[in-house]
Structures are given as C-alpha cells and as structure tokens.
C-alpha cells in the first residue's frame, strides 16, 4: 500500500503545478512562432507539426483566433485532422476561461498580474492558462486544455494556441491523499412535510450535474483503482474504496464529484483482470443508475452501488426497498421492475 499523501485538494493543486512547469515552455515557444506567421494557415500548421513532439502527453494542438474560432486543423499523433478547421470553440469552458483571464489582464492597466502559475525562482507562467478539467464532447471522459496566448509585437492579443489532454494520460499522484476524520452532515432530498401526498423526489445537487458525476466516477473506476462505489443521489455524495487502500473508504462531496480534476489525485491503476464486471460495461451500469434516478413517479432511486470484483449492483429506493443483483441481471431488466417493486 502506498503511504498517504496530503489532502485531496492539495494533491490536485500539486499535480496541476507540475503540469504547468512541464507544458509552459514548449507552448510559449510555439505561440511565439505562430505570432511570426500569424494568418498563414499552412505556416501555422507546420509550426504545430514541428512542436507536437515537444508537448508531452498532448492529444491535439491547434490555433484559435481571439474569439475562439479555429484557424488551423487539429495536429494529432496521426497528423492533421482537417475536419476541425473553422470550428467555433467559443462556448467551451477552456476558451471562456482563457478569454476571461486575457480580459482581466487587459483591465489591470499594466499592474503585475497575480493569476499566472508559479514556475519557481520568482518566474511566472505568463499568458498561460491550464483549464479546470472538463468532460470532453466526443469521448465523454475527463479532459484538460492548456491555452497559451499569442501576442503581436505590440503586445496585443492575436489569439491562442490550444493543447488538449486526456486526464488519464497525464501524470497522476504517486500516493493516495489522506481523507480527513471530521464530522460531516449532508441532508437528503426527502419531500417536505407539507408536500402533497405522492410527491416525487426533490432535485438534489447531484441530479443537476449528474452527467459530470457519472463520467468522473467512470474514470476513477477504469483508470484509478476505485473498485467499490456507493452513489448517494439524494444527499449528493459518494463513498469510494480504492484497491491500494482497501480497508478505508473515502467520502467525496458534490463539489469534488463535479470536478474532474480530482482524477489527478488518484494514482494510475490498470483495470483489474480479476474483476467480474468487464471494463466495457462500467459506463452502462452507471448510466442505467442515472436512468433509474431520473424516472418519474412516487418511488425513486436514492442510492446505487457497484462492486466490480463481486459483480454486484445494489439499489435503495424511496419505498425503503433494496435490491442486490448481479450486474448482468441489472442491465437486462426492465426499469419499471425496479420502480414498481
């Protein structure tokens, strides 16, 4: 068993700082080259191709204009992906974050901007934004983007160099964080005492962001050694057990479950060969739990649990009924069976 590290959030911050130190210099050099050939698509794509090997862990490199529209194809390990040329990324979280930082810097009127990452020795990662992790549109897995500003000779912002990463490809923590021993209270979403008879559930904080929660949990199970998950939909928290520390559970609150960055705090771990649940069925199990949670009616799912080693799924409903079933049966049964029994 690995020795415990610091807190969850401290571990995430430490991993993000390490990534900034590794990624800043090659992306800064690439942005300077793009500034020299700005507006020449072929030259900028040649710069992306030349720089790609110098950006570790990278899936895609591309250039955006000041409004977030793509000026080049995506550069990947397999070469240029032409279909991304002209793509409007302005609504993506990493672009919004970069534009916010750029505008905040412009409004600081030349004062030293304090938001840049610290590289040590009094140096900052100037004009560099490492986004918060998010769920990718295509793979539906936690991803992260680094944005480096491209500046004209007069200092004006021309646009951005973007670099996309799959969180599972990035360096992870070497030791598990220490879960603090402290009292916690989280109220569930029971209907109010004055609610009419037969009232269905209230929407919990987890319900409002269930897509992200499900994808974060999938990533932790597939690539980070989580083997037993208990999702408390009503009280918006989860309890997880890790193969490297199997005798102690860790409690994740809603602000952690909706932050894909927490995957950086769990050491990498291959999916266990002796798990009864195949890796390819994990997403389906979690998605089915979501479907049950969102079902209309008086009775609704409060808690869903899966253990990949014994292959069992357990479900607890507002009717106070509980079910323990092999995952194969859970995936085959009609949803109405669970709600009506």
Foldseek 3Di string as FASTA:
>chain_A
DFDADAALVVQLVVQVLVLCLQALVLQVVLLAQCLVVPPDAVSNLVSCVVSVVSGPQFAWKFWAFLQQFTCYFTQGPVGGDHVRHRPRCNPPQVNVVLNVVVVVVVVVVPDDDDPFRDNDPPDGSPQKDWTFWDQDPPPRATKIKIWHFRAHPVGHTGTTMITIHGPLSGAADPHAHDADPDDDDFDFFDDDPPDDPFDATDQDPCLVQVSQLLNLVLCCQAWFAWFKKKAQRGRAKIWTAGPVHRPDIHIGHNVRSNGSSSSRNGHTDHNDPQFQDDSVCSSVLSVLLSVQQPDDTSKGWRMWMAGRNVQWIKTAMPVRDIDIDRVVVSNPDDSVVVRVD
